[in-house]
Amino acid sequence: MRITRHYLTLAGRRVHYRMCGSGPPVLLVHQSPRSSDEYTAMMAQWGERFTCIAPDSPGFGQSDPLPIASPTTEDFADAILDFADAVGFRAIAAYGFHSG
């Protein structure tokens, strides 16, 4: 399964994400302080049944940080929801653990 890498600009920030597969979308949210790279093996497998999309959270991997001195958990959650909206997902399953 080929995993592609993409960038988009969201609220003036560069956001990096990985994507693969076809089928219903699933959003993979990595734990901190990691990046979407931790899901590459899972994406290769799950991509056979789902469209997997895994962004780097703000300030991690290749995504720019939030423009806030001390972002809260809610700020990171809002950033993930903004990302899902920006890539066109209106209803999406999500997978994550720990801070993801």
Protein backbone atom coordinates (compact mmCIF):
# COMPACT_ATOMS: atom_id res chain seq x y z
CA MET A 1 0.00 0.00 0.00
CA ARG A 2 1.52 3.32 -1.08
CA ILE A 3 1.39 6.08 1.52
CA THR A 4 1.51 9.60 0.12
CA ARG A 5 2.62 12.72 1.96
CA HIS A 6 0.89 16.07 1.69
CA TYR A 7 0.93 19.61 3.06
CA LEU A 8 -1.81 22.16 3.45
CA THR A 9 -1.93 25.61 4.94
CA LEU A 10 -4.44 25.99 7.74
CA ALA A 11 -4.86 29.29 9.60
CA GLY A 12 -1.41 30.34 8.37
CA ARG A 13 0.27 27.14 9.58
CA ARG A 14 1.80 24.42 7.41
CA VAL A 15 0.26 21.04 8.24
CA HIS A 16 1.85 17.79 7.09
CA TYR A 17 -0.16 14.58 6.72
CA ARG A 18 0.07 11.07 5.30
CA MET A 19 -2.71 9.38 3.38
CA CYS A 20 -3.43 6.02 1.77
CA GLY A 21 -6.12 3.55 0.86
CA SER A 22 -9.73 3.68 -0.17
CA GLY A 23 -13.02 3.20 1.57
CA PRO A 24 -14.55 4.95 4.57
CA PRO A 25 -12.20 7.56 6.07
CA VAL A 26 -10.39 7.04 9.36
CA LEU A 27 -8.37 9.77 11.05
CA LEU A 28 -5.25 8.53 12.88
CA VAL A 29 -4.11 10.90 15.64
CA HIS A 30 -0.60 10.22 16.96
CA GLN A 31 0.55 10.54 20.52
CA SER A 32 2.89 13.31 21.65
CA PRO A 33 5.77 13.92 21.15
CA ARG A 34 5.67 11.78 18.00
CA SER A 35 4.45 12.18 14.43
CA SER A 36 2.21 10.46 11.91
CA ASP A 37 5.19 8.25 11.03
CA GLU A 38 4.20 5.97 13.92
CA TYR A 39 1.16 4.87 11.89
CA THR A 40 2.85 3.90 8.61
CA ALA A 41 2.68 0.13 9.25
CA MET A 42 -0.95 0.37 10.39
CA MET A 43 -1.86 2.53 7.40
CA ALA A 44 -0.35 0.00 4.99
CA GLN A 45 -2.63 -2.66 6.46
CA TRP A 46 -5.78 -0.63 7.16
CA GLY A 47 -5.54 1.10 3.77
CA GLU A 48 -6.90 -2.05 2.17
CA ARG A 49 -10.31 -1.25 3.72
CA PHE A 50 -10.19 2.43 4.71
CA THR A 51 -8.95 5.81 3.53
CA CYS A 52 -6.37 6.45 6.23
CA ILE A 53 -5.30 10.00 6.95
CA ALA A 54 -2.73 10.83 9.62
CA PRO A 55 -1.75 14.45 10.27
CA ASP A 56 1.28 15.56 12.25
CA SER A 57 -0.14 17.41 15.25
CA PRO A 58 0.74 21.11 15.59
CA GLY A 59 4.40 21.49 16.49
CA PHE A 60 5.25 17.83 15.85
CA GLY A 61 6.68 16.02 12.84
CA GLN A 62 6.62 18.43 9.93
CA SER A 63 3.65 20.54 11.07
CA ASP A 64 4.08 24.10 12.31
CA PRO A 65 3.17 24.81 15.95
CA LEU A 66 0.04 26.63 17.02
CA PRO A 67 0.54 30.40 17.35
CA ILE A 68 -0.26 30.21 21.07
CA ALA A 69 2.32 30.54 23.88
CA SER A 70 0.86 27.70 25.97
CA PRO A 71 -1.63 25.64 23.93
CA THR A 72 -4.12 23.51 25.86
CA THR A 73 -5.47 20.06 25.06
CA GLU A 74 -8.58 21.81 23.74
CA ASP A 75 -6.43 23.89 21.35
CA PHE A 76 -4.87 20.71 19.94
CA ALA A 77 -8.31 19.07 19.65
CA ASP A 78 -9.66 22.13 17.80
CA ALA A 79 -6.65 21.98 15.43
CA ILE A 80 -7.41 18.32 14.59
CA LEU A 81 -11.08 19.13 13.94
CA ASP A 82 -10.07 22.10 11.77
CA PHE A 83 -7.76 19.78 9.82
CA ALA A 84 -10.56 17.23 9.28
CA ASP A 85 -12.81 20.01 7.98
CA ALA A 86 -10.05 21.35 5.71
CA VAL A 87 -9.55 17.99 4.01
CA GLY A 88 -13.28 17.62 3.52
CA PHE A 89 -14.32 15.08 6.11
CA ARG A 90 -17.77 15.78 7.55
CA ALA A 91 -18.15 12.45 9.34
CA ILE A 92 -15.07 10.43 10.18
CA ALA A 93 -13.97 7.62 12.45
CA ALA A 94 -10.90 8.36 14.54
CA TYR A 95 -8.18 6.26 16.15
CA GLY A 96 -5.67 7.37 18.73
CA PHE A 97 -4.27 6.55 22.13
CA HIS A 98 -2.42 8.31 24.94
CA SER A 99 -2.50 12.00 23.92
CA GLY A 100 -3.80 11.07 20.45
